[in-house]
């Protein structure tokens, strides 16, 4: 005679419900974790180590700023690091990749035709506001100061001004090196 008892149907249905719930929770956790990882855009250079971690480039930016450097210089250094005028960075879990355009002519073209595009309030304006709080890239297109600010900066973007500023910048750098 067999001394094992047959499990009642009620216990089996409860066990099945628990196993199903655990399986669904684990699947949901897995999918959530996968969504947290950065997803690079094809064809645009990025930090491969940052794409492997959930926090993306935030850890590298934090290390950089702990040394006393500005996070702005880290963003500028990405163009040199990847030898490309267009790079992408990952600013945290669940965020889309942020594109950094370091080519002056492209940025100028995008920003000077901005009112023709349908720019909305959001990360774009907030990002520029953190870097250039009173400049036209950080303003909404409906801001009364937007057009006057953009027109003021328009004359500063001519090639002759840019070459002159570049020359003064180079001379100033040489002067500072001589003082050290």
N, C-alpha and C. Protein backbone atom coordinates (compact mmCIF):
# COMPACT_ATOMS: atom_id res chain seq x y z
N UNK A 1 0.82 -1.18 0.00
CA UNK A 1 0.00 0.00 0.00
C UNK A 1 0.87 1.25 0.00
N UNK A 2 0.45 2.21 -0.74
CA UNK A 2 1.16 3.49 -0.84
C UNK A 2 0.65 4.41 0.25
N UNK A 3 1.58 5.00 0.97
CA UNK A 3 1.19 5.88 2.07
C UNK A 3 1.19 7.36 1.66
N UNK A 4 1.47 7.66 0.38
CA UNK A 4 1.46 9.07 -0.03
C UNK A 4 0.03 9.53 -0.26
N UNK A 5 -0.15 10.80 0.10
CA UNK A 5 -1.48 11.38 -0.06
C UNK A 5 -1.53 12.18 -1.36
N UNK A 6 -2.63 12.19 -1.95
CA UNK A 6 -2.84 12.99 -3.15
C UNK A 6 -3.21 14.39 -2.69
N UNK A 7 -2.54 15.40 -3.30
CA UNK A 7 -2.80 16.79 -2.92
C UNK A 7 -4.20 17.17 -3.38
N UNK A 8 -4.90 17.81 -2.51
CA UNK A 8 -6.23 18.25 -2.91
C UNK A 8 -6.12 19.28 -4.05
N UNK A 9 -7.17 19.39 -4.80
CA UNK A 9 -7.23 20.29 -5.94
C UNK A 9 -7.04 21.75 -5.53
N UNK A 10 -7.48 22.09 -4.37
CA UNK A 10 -7.37 23.46 -3.86
C UNK A 10 -5.90 23.85 -3.65
N UNK A 11 -5.11 22.96 -3.11
CA UNK A 11 -3.69 23.24 -2.88
C UNK A 11 -2.96 23.37 -4.21
N UNK A 12 -3.29 22.51 -5.17
CA UNK A 12 -2.66 22.59 -6.48
C UNK A 12 -2.98 23.90 -7.20
N UNK A 13 -4.20 24.35 -7.09
CA UNK A 13 -4.57 25.61 -7.74
C UNK A 13 -3.88 26.79 -7.07
N UNK A 14 -3.72 26.78 -5.75
CA UNK A 14 -2.99 27.84 -5.04
C UNK A 14 -1.52 27.83 -5.43
N UNK A 15 -0.93 26.67 -5.54
CA UNK A 15 0.47 26.53 -5.94
C UNK A 15 0.67 27.04 -7.37
N UNK A 16 -0.25 26.72 -8.24
CA UNK A 16 -0.18 27.21 -9.61
C UNK A 16 -0.30 28.74 -9.66
N UNK A 17 -1.16 29.31 -8.84
CA UNK A 17 -1.31 30.77 -8.79
C UNK A 17 -0.03 31.43 -8.29
N UNK A 18 0.61 30.85 -7.28
CA UNK A 18 1.85 31.41 -6.74
C UNK A 18 2.97 31.33 -7.78
N UNK A 19 3.11 30.19 -8.44
CA UNK A 19 4.14 30.02 -9.46
C UNK A 19 3.91 30.99 -10.62
N UNK A 20 2.68 31.15 -11.04
CA UNK A 20 2.35 32.08 -12.12
C UNK A 20 2.66 33.51 -11.73
N UNK A 21 2.32 33.89 -10.52
CA UNK A 21 2.58 35.25 -10.04
C UNK A 21 4.08 35.52 -9.97
N UNK A 22 4.83 34.58 -9.44
CA UNK A 22 6.28 34.74 -9.35
C UNK A 22 6.89 34.85 -10.75
N UNK A 23 6.44 34.03 -11.66
CA UNK A 23 6.95 34.06 -13.03
C UNK A 23 6.64 35.40 -13.69
N UNK A 24 5.45 35.92 -13.51
CA UNK A 24 5.09 37.22 -14.08
C UNK A 24 5.91 38.35 -13.47
N UNK A 25 6.12 38.31 -12.15
CA UNK A 25 6.91 39.34 -11.49
C UNK A 25 8.37 39.31 -11.96
N UNK A 26 8.94 38.13 -12.09
CA UNK A 26 10.32 38.02 -12.58
C UNK A 26 10.44 38.50 -14.02
N UNK A 27 9.46 38.18 -14.84
CA UNK A 27 9.47 38.64 -16.23
C UNK A 27 9.34 40.16 -16.29
N UNK A 28 8.47 40.71 -15.48
CA UNK A 28 8.29 42.16 -15.42
C UNK A 28 9.58 42.84 -14.95
N UNK A 29 10.22 42.31 -13.94
CA UNK A 29 11.49 42.86 -13.45
C UNK A 29 12.56 42.81 -14.53
N UNK A 30 12.64 41.69 -15.23
CA UNK A 30 13.62 41.54 -16.31
C UNK A 30 13.39 42.59 -17.39
N UNK A 31 12.14 42.75 -17.81
CA UNK A 31 11.81 43.72 -18.86
C UNK A 31 12.08 45.15 -18.39
N UNK A 32 11.79 45.45 -17.15
CA UNK A 32 12.04 46.77 -16.59
C UNK A 32 13.54 47.07 -16.56
N UNK A 33 14.32 46.11 -16.15
CA UNK A 33 15.78 46.29 -16.11
C UNK A 33 16.32 46.48 -17.52
N UNK A 34 15.81 45.72 -18.49
CA UNK A 34 16.26 45.86 -19.87
C UNK A 34 15.92 47.26 -20.42
N UNK A 35 14.77 47.81 -20.04
CA UNK A 35 14.38 49.15 -20.49
C UNK A 35 15.26 50.23 -19.86
N UNK A 36 15.82 49.95 -18.69
CA UNK A 36 16.65 50.94 -17.99
C UNK A 36 18.00 51.13 -18.67
N UNK A 37 18.49 50.11 -19.37
CA UNK A 37 19.79 50.21 -20.02
C UNK A 37 19.72 51.18 -21.20
N UNK A 38 20.81 51.91 -21.42
CA UNK A 38 20.84 52.83 -22.56
C UNK A 38 20.75 52.07 -23.89
N UNK A 39 20.07 52.69 -24.85
CA UNK A 39 19.99 52.12 -26.20
C UNK A 39 20.64 53.09 -27.17
N UNK A 40 21.86 52.78 -27.62
CA UNK A 40 22.57 53.69 -28.53
C UNK A 40 21.87 53.79 -29.89
N UNK A 41 21.98 54.95 -30.49
CA UNK A 41 21.48 55.15 -31.85
C UNK A 41 22.57 54.71 -32.82
N UNK A 42 22.17 54.01 -33.85
CA UNK A 42 23.13 53.45 -34.81
C UNK A 42 23.87 54.56 -35.56
N UNK A 43 25.18 54.36 -35.72
CA UNK A 43 25.98 55.26 -36.54
C UNK A 43 26.52 56.48 -35.82
N UNK A 44 26.18 56.70 -34.56
CA UNK A 44 26.66 57.86 -33.81
C UNK A 44 27.59 57.35 -32.71
N UNK A 45 28.82 57.86 -32.64
CA UNK A 45 29.77 57.38 -31.63
C UNK A 45 29.28 57.62 -30.21
N UNK A 46 29.66 56.72 -29.30
CA UNK A 46 29.28 56.81 -27.90
C UNK A 46 30.30 56.07 -27.06
N UNK A 47 30.22 56.24 -25.74
CA UNK A 47 31.10 55.52 -24.81
C UNK A 47 30.55 54.11 -24.64
N UNK A 48 31.27 53.12 -25.11
CA UNK A 48 30.78 51.75 -25.05
C UNK A 48 30.63 51.25 -23.62
N UNK A 49 31.50 51.70 -22.73
CA UNK A 49 31.39 51.29 -21.32
C UNK A 49 30.11 51.85 -20.70
N UNK A 50 29.71 53.04 -21.11
CA UNK A 50 28.49 53.65 -20.57
C UNK A 50 27.25 52.90 -21.01
N UNK A 51 27.29 52.33 -22.20
CA UNK A 51 26.13 51.59 -22.71
C UNK A 51 25.95 50.26 -21.99
N UNK A 52 26.98 49.81 -21.28
CA UNK A 52 26.90 48.53 -20.56
C UNK A 52 26.30 48.67 -19.18
N UNK A 53 26.23 49.89 -18.66
CA UNK A 53 25.71 50.10 -17.31
C UNK A 53 24.37 50.81 -17.33
N UNK A 54 23.58 50.61 -16.30
CA UNK A 54 22.25 51.21 -16.22
C UNK A 54 22.34 52.73 -16.12
N UNK A 55 23.34 53.25 -15.43
CA UNK A 55 23.46 54.70 -15.23
C UNK A 55 24.04 55.43 -16.43
N UNK A 56 24.56 54.73 -17.39
CA UNK A 56 25.11 55.37 -18.59
C UNK A 56 26.35 56.19 -18.27
N UNK A 57 26.40 57.40 -18.80
CA UNK A 57 27.56 58.28 -18.61
C UNK A 57 27.54 59.02 -17.28
N UNK A 58 26.50 58.88 -16.52
CA UNK A 58 26.39 59.61 -15.24
C UNK A 58 27.56 59.29 -14.32
N UNK A 59 27.98 58.04 -14.25
CA UNK A 59 29.10 57.69 -13.36
C UNK A 59 30.38 58.40 -13.78
N UNK A 60 30.65 58.46 -15.08
CA UNK A 60 31.85 59.13 -15.56
C UNK A 60 31.77 60.64 -15.34
N UNK A 61 30.60 61.21 -15.56
CA UNK A 61 30.41 62.64 -15.32
C UNK A 61 30.60 62.96 -13.84
N UNK A 62 30.09 62.10 -12.95
CA UNK A 62 30.24 62.32 -11.51
C UNK A 62 31.71 62.27 -11.11
N UNK A 63 32.48 61.31 -11.64
CA UNK A 63 33.91 61.24 -11.35
C UNK A 63 34.61 62.51 -11.84
N UNK A 64 34.23 62.96 -13.01
CA UNK A 64 34.83 64.15 -13.61
C UNK A 64 34.55 65.39 -12.78
N UNK A 65 33.33 65.54 -12.32
CA UNK A 65 32.99 66.74 -11.54
C UNK A 65 33.56 66.69 -10.12
N UNK A 66 33.81 65.49 -9.60
CA UNK A 66 34.42 65.39 -8.26
C UNK A 66 35.84 65.93 -8.25
N UNK A 67 36.50 65.94 -9.41
CA UNK A 67 37.86 66.47 -9.48
C UNK A 67 37.87 68.00 -9.57
N UNK A 68 36.69 68.61 -9.59
CA UNK A 68 36.60 70.06 -9.64
C UNK A 68 36.35 70.60 -11.04
N UNK A 69 36.30 69.74 -12.01
CA UNK A 69 36.04 70.17 -13.39
C UNK A 69 34.55 70.39 -13.61
N UNK A 70 34.23 71.19 -14.59
CA UNK A 70 32.84 71.44 -14.95
C UNK A 70 32.33 70.32 -15.86
N UNK A 71 31.07 69.97 -15.71
CA UNK A 71 30.51 68.93 -16.58
C UNK A 71 30.45 69.41 -18.03
N UNK A 72 30.46 70.72 -18.22
CA UNK A 72 30.44 71.26 -19.58
C UNK A 72 31.70 70.87 -20.34
N UNK A 73 32.84 70.90 -19.68
CA UNK A 73 34.08 70.50 -20.35
C UNK A 73 34.07 69.02 -20.68
N UNK A 74 33.39 68.21 -19.87
CA UNK A 74 33.27 66.79 -20.18
C UNK A 74 32.48 66.61 -21.48
N UNK A 75 31.39 67.36 -21.61
CA UNK A 75 30.60 67.27 -22.84
C UNK A 75 31.43 67.69 -24.05
N UNK A 76 32.20 68.76 -23.90
CA UNK A 76 33.04 69.22 -25.01
C UNK A 76 34.12 68.21 -25.35
N UNK A 77 34.63 67.52 -24.33
CA UNK A 77 35.70 66.54 -24.55
C UNK A 77 35.22 65.32 -25.33
N UNK A 78 33.93 65.07 -25.35
CA UNK A 78 33.42 63.89 -26.06
C UNK A 78 33.68 63.96 -27.56
N UNK A 79 33.63 65.15 -28.13
CA UNK A 79 33.90 65.30 -29.57
C UNK A 79 35.35 64.91 -29.88
N UNK A 80 36.27 65.32 -29.03
CA UNK A 80 37.68 64.97 -29.23
C UNK A 80 37.91 63.49 -28.96
N UNK A 81 37.27 62.98 -27.97
CA UNK A 81 37.44 61.58 -27.59
C UNK A 81 37.01 60.63 -28.70
N UNK A 82 35.91 60.96 -29.35
CA UNK A 82 35.38 60.08 -30.41
C UNK A 82 35.75 60.55 -31.80
N UNK A 83 36.48 61.68 -31.88
CA UNK A 83 36.89 62.25 -33.17
C UNK A 83 35.70 62.41 -34.11
N UNK A 84 34.63 62.98 -33.55
CA UNK A 84 33.41 63.18 -34.32
C UNK A 84 32.70 64.44 -33.81
N UNK A 85 32.09 65.19 -34.73
CA UNK A 85 31.36 66.39 -34.35
C UNK A 85 30.00 66.06 -33.75
N UNK A 86 29.54 64.83 -33.96
CA UNK A 86 28.25 64.40 -33.41
C UNK A 86 28.51 63.17 -32.54
N UNK A 87 28.15 63.27 -31.27
CA UNK A 87 28.29 62.13 -30.35
C UNK A 87 27.00 61.97 -29.56
N UNK A 88 26.89 60.85 -28.88
CA UNK A 88 25.72 60.65 -28.03
C UNK A 88 26.16 60.27 -26.63
N UNK A 89 25.40 60.73 -25.65
CA UNK A 89 25.67 60.41 -24.25
C UNK A 89 24.39 59.89 -23.62
N UNK A 90 24.56 59.14 -22.54
CA UNK A 90 23.43 58.53 -21.85
C UNK A 90 23.36 59.12 -20.45
N UNK A 91 22.28 59.84 -20.17
CA UNK A 91 22.18 60.62 -18.95
C UNK A 91 21.34 59.96 -17.87
N UNK A 92 21.25 58.65 -17.89
CA UNK A 92 20.57 57.95 -16.81
C UNK A 92 19.64 56.88 -17.31
N UNK A 93 19.14 56.08 -16.36
CA UNK A 93 18.23 55.01 -16.74
C UNK A 93 16.92 55.55 -17.29
N UNK A 94 16.38 54.87 -18.27
CA UNK A 94 15.09 55.19 -18.91
C UNK A 94 15.13 56.44 -19.78
N UNK A 95 16.28 57.12 -19.90
CA UNK A 95 16.39 58.28 -20.76
C UNK A 95 16.83 57.85 -22.15
N UNK A 96 16.37 58.57 -23.14
CA UNK A 96 16.86 58.35 -24.50
C UNK A 96 18.25 58.96 -24.59
N UNK A 97 19.00 58.54 -25.59
CA UNK A 97 20.34 59.07 -25.80
C UNK A 97 20.26 60.56 -26.11
N UNK A 98 21.17 61.33 -25.52
CA UNK A 98 21.25 62.76 -25.81
C UNK A 98 22.33 62.94 -26.88
N UNK A 99 22.01 63.70 -27.90
CA UNK A 99 22.95 63.93 -28.99
C UNK A 99 23.67 65.26 -28.76
N UNK A 100 24.99 65.23 -28.87
CA UNK A 100 25.80 66.43 -28.74
C UNK A 100 26.33 66.77 -30.13
N UNK A 101 25.99 67.95 -30.60
CA UNK A 101 26.47 68.42 -31.90
C UNK A 101 27.52 69.49 -31.63
N UNK A 102 28.76 69.21 -32.02
CA UNK A 102 29.88 70.12 -31.75
C UNK A 102 30.26 70.96 -32.96
N UNK A 103 29.60 70.75 -34.07
CA UNK A 103 29.90 71.50 -35.29
C UNK A 103 29.12 72.82 -35.26
N UNK A 104 29.86 73.92 -35.27
CA UNK A 104 29.24 75.23 -35.14
C UNK A 104 28.20 75.49 -36.22
N UNK A 105 28.52 75.18 -37.46
CA UNK A 105 27.59 75.50 -38.55
C UNK A 105 26.28 74.73 -38.42
N UNK A 106 26.37 73.47 -38.00
CA UNK A 106 25.14 72.68 -37.82
C UNK A 106 24.29 73.23 -36.68
N UNK A 107 24.94 73.55 -35.57
CA UNK A 107 24.20 74.09 -34.42
C UNK A 107 23.57 75.43 -34.79
N UNK A 108 24.32 76.26 -35.47
CA UNK A 108 23.80 77.55 -35.90
C UNK A 108 22.59 77.36 -36.81
N UNK A 109 22.67 76.43 -37.74
CA UNK A 109 21.56 76.18 -38.66
C UNK A 109 20.32 75.71 -37.90
N UNK A 110 20.52 74.80 -36.97
CA UNK A 110 19.39 74.28 -36.19
C UNK A 110 18.75 75.39 -35.36
N UNK A 111 19.58 76.17 -34.67
CA UNK A 111 19.04 77.18 -33.77
C UNK A 111 18.49 78.40 -34.49
N UNK A 112 19.05 78.76 -35.62
CA UNK A 112 18.53 79.94 -36.32
C UNK A 112 17.23 79.65 -37.05
N UNK A 113 16.96 78.40 -37.35
CA UNK A 113 15.69 78.04 -37.99
C UNK A 113 14.73 77.40 -37.00
N UNK A 114 14.99 77.62 -35.74
CA UNK A 114 14.24 76.92 -34.71
C UNK A 114 12.77 77.31 -34.68
N UNK A 115 12.45 78.57 -34.95
CA UNK A 115 11.04 78.94 -34.87
C UNK A 115 10.23 78.31 -36.00
N UNK A 116 10.87 77.88 -37.07
CA UNK A 116 10.16 77.18 -38.13
C UNK A 116 9.82 75.76 -37.69
N UNK A 117 10.66 75.19 -36.85
CA UNK A 117 10.40 73.84 -36.34
C UNK A 117 9.45 73.93 -35.17
N UNK A 118 8.83 72.83 -34.86
CA UNK A 118 7.86 72.82 -33.77
C UNK A 118 8.57 72.38 -32.48
N UNK A 119 9.32 73.30 -31.88
CA UNK A 119 10.00 72.98 -30.63
C UNK A 119 9.02 73.13 -29.49
N UNK A 120 9.04 72.19 -28.61
CA UNK A 120 8.15 72.23 -27.46
C UNK A 120 8.99 72.34 -26.19
N UNK A 121 8.35 72.76 -25.14
CA UNK A 121 9.01 72.84 -23.82
C UNK A 121 9.46 71.44 -23.43
N UNK A 122 10.63 71.33 -22.91
CA UNK A 122 11.09 70.02 -22.50
C UNK A 122 12.58 70.00 -22.24
N UNK A 123 13.16 68.84 -22.43
CA UNK A 123 14.56 68.63 -22.09
C UNK A 123 15.47 69.51 -22.95
N UNK A 124 15.10 69.77 -24.22
CA UNK A 124 15.95 70.58 -25.09
C UNK A 124 16.17 71.97 -24.51
N UNK A 125 15.09 72.64 -24.18
CA UNK A 125 15.19 74.00 -23.64
C UNK A 125 15.82 73.95 -22.25
N UNK A 126 15.47 72.96 -21.45
CA UNK A 126 16.05 72.85 -20.11
C UNK A 126 17.54 72.61 -20.16
N UNK A 127 17.99 71.81 -21.13
CA UNK A 127 19.43 71.54 -21.25
C UNK A 127 20.19 72.80 -21.61
N UNK A 128 19.69 73.57 -22.57
CA UNK A 128 20.34 74.81 -22.93
C UNK A 128 20.25 75.82 -21.79
N UNK A 129 19.16 75.79 -21.04
CA UNK A 129 18.99 76.73 -19.93
C UNK A 129 20.06 76.50 -18.87
N UNK A 130 20.44 75.25 -18.66
CA UNK A 130 21.49 74.96 -17.68
C UNK A 130 22.85 75.45 -18.13
N UNK A 131 23.10 75.45 -19.44
CA UNK A 131 24.40 75.85 -19.96
C UNK A 131 24.44 77.35 -20.29
N UNK A 132 23.39 77.82 -20.95
CA UNK A 132 23.31 79.22 -21.40
C UNK A 132 22.00 79.84 -20.93
N UNK A 133 21.86 80.16 -19.66
CA UNK A 133 20.55 80.53 -19.11
C UNK A 133 19.89 81.76 -19.75
N UNK A 134 20.67 82.73 -20.24
CA UNK A 134 20.06 83.94 -20.78
C UNK A 134 20.24 84.07 -22.28
N UNK A 135 20.68 83.02 -22.94
CA UNK A 135 20.90 83.06 -24.38
C UNK A 135 19.67 82.50 -25.11
N UNK A 136 19.57 82.82 -26.39
CA UNK A 136 18.37 82.44 -27.13
C UNK A 136 18.16 80.93 -27.24
N UNK A 137 19.19 80.08 -27.22
CA UNK A 137 18.87 78.63 -27.27
C UNK A 137 18.08 78.14 -26.06
N UNK A 138 18.19 78.87 -24.94
CA UNK A 138 17.49 78.46 -23.73
C UNK A 138 16.11 79.09 -23.61
N UNK A 139 15.73 79.88 -24.59
CA UNK A 139 14.43 80.56 -24.52
C UNK A 139 13.40 79.81 -25.35
N UNK A 140 12.17 79.95 -24.91
CA UNK A 140 11.06 79.43 -25.70
C UNK A 140 10.86 80.35 -26.90
N UNK A 141 10.37 79.81 -28.00
CA UNK A 141 10.17 80.63 -29.19
C UNK A 141 9.10 81.70 -28.97
N UNK A 142 8.21 81.49 -28.02
CA UNK A 142 7.18 82.49 -27.75
C UNK A 142 7.64 83.54 -26.73
N UNK A 143 8.86 83.39 -26.20
CA UNK A 143 9.42 84.37 -25.26
C UNK A 143 9.62 85.70 -26.00
N UNK A 144 9.17 86.83 -25.44
CA UNK A 144 9.32 88.11 -26.13
C UNK A 144 10.78 88.49 -26.40
N UNK A 145 11.72 87.98 -25.62
CA UNK A 145 13.13 88.29 -25.80
C UNK A 145 13.83 87.37 -26.79
N UNK A 146 13.14 86.35 -27.27
CA UNK A 146 13.78 85.34 -28.12
C UNK A 146 14.35 85.95 -29.40
N UNK A 147 13.52 86.66 -30.18
CA UNK A 147 13.97 87.18 -31.47
C UNK A 147 15.06 88.23 -31.31
N UNK A 148 14.92 89.12 -30.33
CA UNK A 148 15.95 90.14 -30.14
C UNK A 148 17.27 89.52 -29.69
N UNK A 149 17.20 88.50 -28.85
CA UNK A 149 18.41 87.81 -28.39
C UNK A 149 19.07 87.07 -29.55
N UNK A 150 18.27 86.43 -30.37
CA UNK A 150 18.80 85.70 -31.52
C UNK A 150 19.43 86.67 -32.51
N UNK A 151 18.78 87.81 -32.76
CA UNK A 151 19.34 88.79 -33.70
C UNK A 151 20.62 89.42 -33.16
N UNK A 152 20.69 89.59 -31.86
CA UNK A 152 21.89 90.13 -31.24
C UNK A 152 23.08 89.19 -31.45
N UNK A 153 22.83 87.92 -31.30
CA UNK A 153 23.90 86.93 -31.45
C UNK A 153 24.23 86.64 -32.90
N UNK A 154 23.34 86.99 -33.83
CA UNK A 154 23.54 86.66 -35.25
C UNK A 154 24.83 87.30 -35.79
N UNK A 155 25.08 88.56 -35.43
CA UNK A 155 26.28 89.23 -35.92
C UNK A 155 27.56 88.65 -35.34
N UNK A 156 27.46 88.01 -34.20
CA UNK A 156 28.64 87.42 -33.56
C UNK A 156 29.05 86.10 -34.20
N UNK A 157 28.23 85.60 -35.12
CA UNK A 157 28.51 84.31 -35.72
C UNK A 157 29.08 84.42 -37.13
N UNK A 158 29.48 85.59 -37.52
CA UNK A 158 30.06 85.74 -38.86
C UNK A 158 31.47 85.17 -38.86
N UNK A 159 31.95 84.68 -40.01
CA UNK A 159 33.30 84.09 -40.07
C UNK A 159 34.40 85.04 -39.63
N UNK A 160 34.30 86.33 -39.98
CA UNK A 160 35.37 87.26 -39.61
C UNK A 160 35.46 87.42 -38.09
N UNK A 161 34.33 87.50 -37.42
CA UNK A 161 34.33 87.59 -35.95
C UNK A 161 34.88 86.31 -35.34
N UNK A 162 34.46 85.18 -35.86
CA UNK A 162 34.91 83.90 -35.30
C UNK A 162 36.42 83.73 -35.45
N UNK A 163 36.98 84.12 -36.59
CA UNK A 163 38.43 84.01 -36.78
C UNK A 163 39.17 84.97 -35.86
N UNK A 164 38.62 86.17 -35.66
CA UNK A 164 39.25 87.14 -34.76
C UNK A 164 39.24 86.63 -33.33
N UNK A 165 38.11 86.12 -32.88
CA UNK A 165 38.00 85.59 -31.52
C UNK A 165 38.94 84.41 -31.35
N UNK A 166 39.02 83.57 -32.36
CA UNK A 166 39.92 82.42 -32.30
C UNK A 166 41.36 82.87 -32.15
N UNK A 167 41.74 83.94 -32.88
CA UNK A 167 43.11 84.46 -32.80
C UNK A 167 43.37 85.00 -31.40
N UNK A 168 42.44 85.80 -30.84
CA UNK A 168 42.62 86.33 -29.50
C UNK A 168 42.68 85.21 -28.46
N UNK A 169 41.87 84.21 -28.64
CA UNK A 169 41.87 83.07 -27.72
C UNK A 169 43.22 82.37 -27.73
N UNK A 170 43.78 82.18 -28.93
CA UNK A 170 45.08 81.53 -29.06
C UNK A 170 46.17 82.39 -28.39
N UNK A 171 46.14 83.70 -28.63
CA UNK A 171 47.13 84.60 -28.02
C UNK A 171 46.99 84.63 -26.50
N UNK A 172 45.76 84.61 -26.00
CA UNK A 172 45.54 84.60 -24.56
C UNK A 172 46.06 83.30 -23.95
N UNK A 173 45.86 82.20 -24.63
CA UNK A 173 46.37 80.92 -24.13
C UNK A 173 47.90 80.96 -24.06
N UNK A 174 48.54 81.50 -25.08
CA UNK A 174 50.01 81.63 -25.06
C UNK A 174 50.46 82.51 -23.92
N UNK A 175 49.77 83.60 -23.69
CA UNK A 175 50.12 84.53 -22.60
C UNK A 175 49.99 83.84 -21.24
N UNK A 176 48.93 83.08 -21.06
CA UNK A 176 48.74 82.36 -19.79
C UNK A 176 49.81 81.30 -19.59
N UNK A 177 50.21 80.64 -20.67
CA UNK A 177 51.27 79.64 -20.56
C UNK A 177 52.60 80.29 -20.17
N UNK A 178 52.85 81.49 -20.70
CA UNK A 178 54.10 82.20 -20.36
C UNK A 178 54.12 82.63 -18.90
N UNK A 179 52.95 82.97 -18.34
CA UNK A 179 52.87 83.38 -16.94
C UNK A 179 53.08 82.23 -15.99
N UNK A 180 52.81 81.01 -16.42
CA UNK A 180 53.00 79.85 -15.54
C UNK A 180 54.42 79.51 -15.43
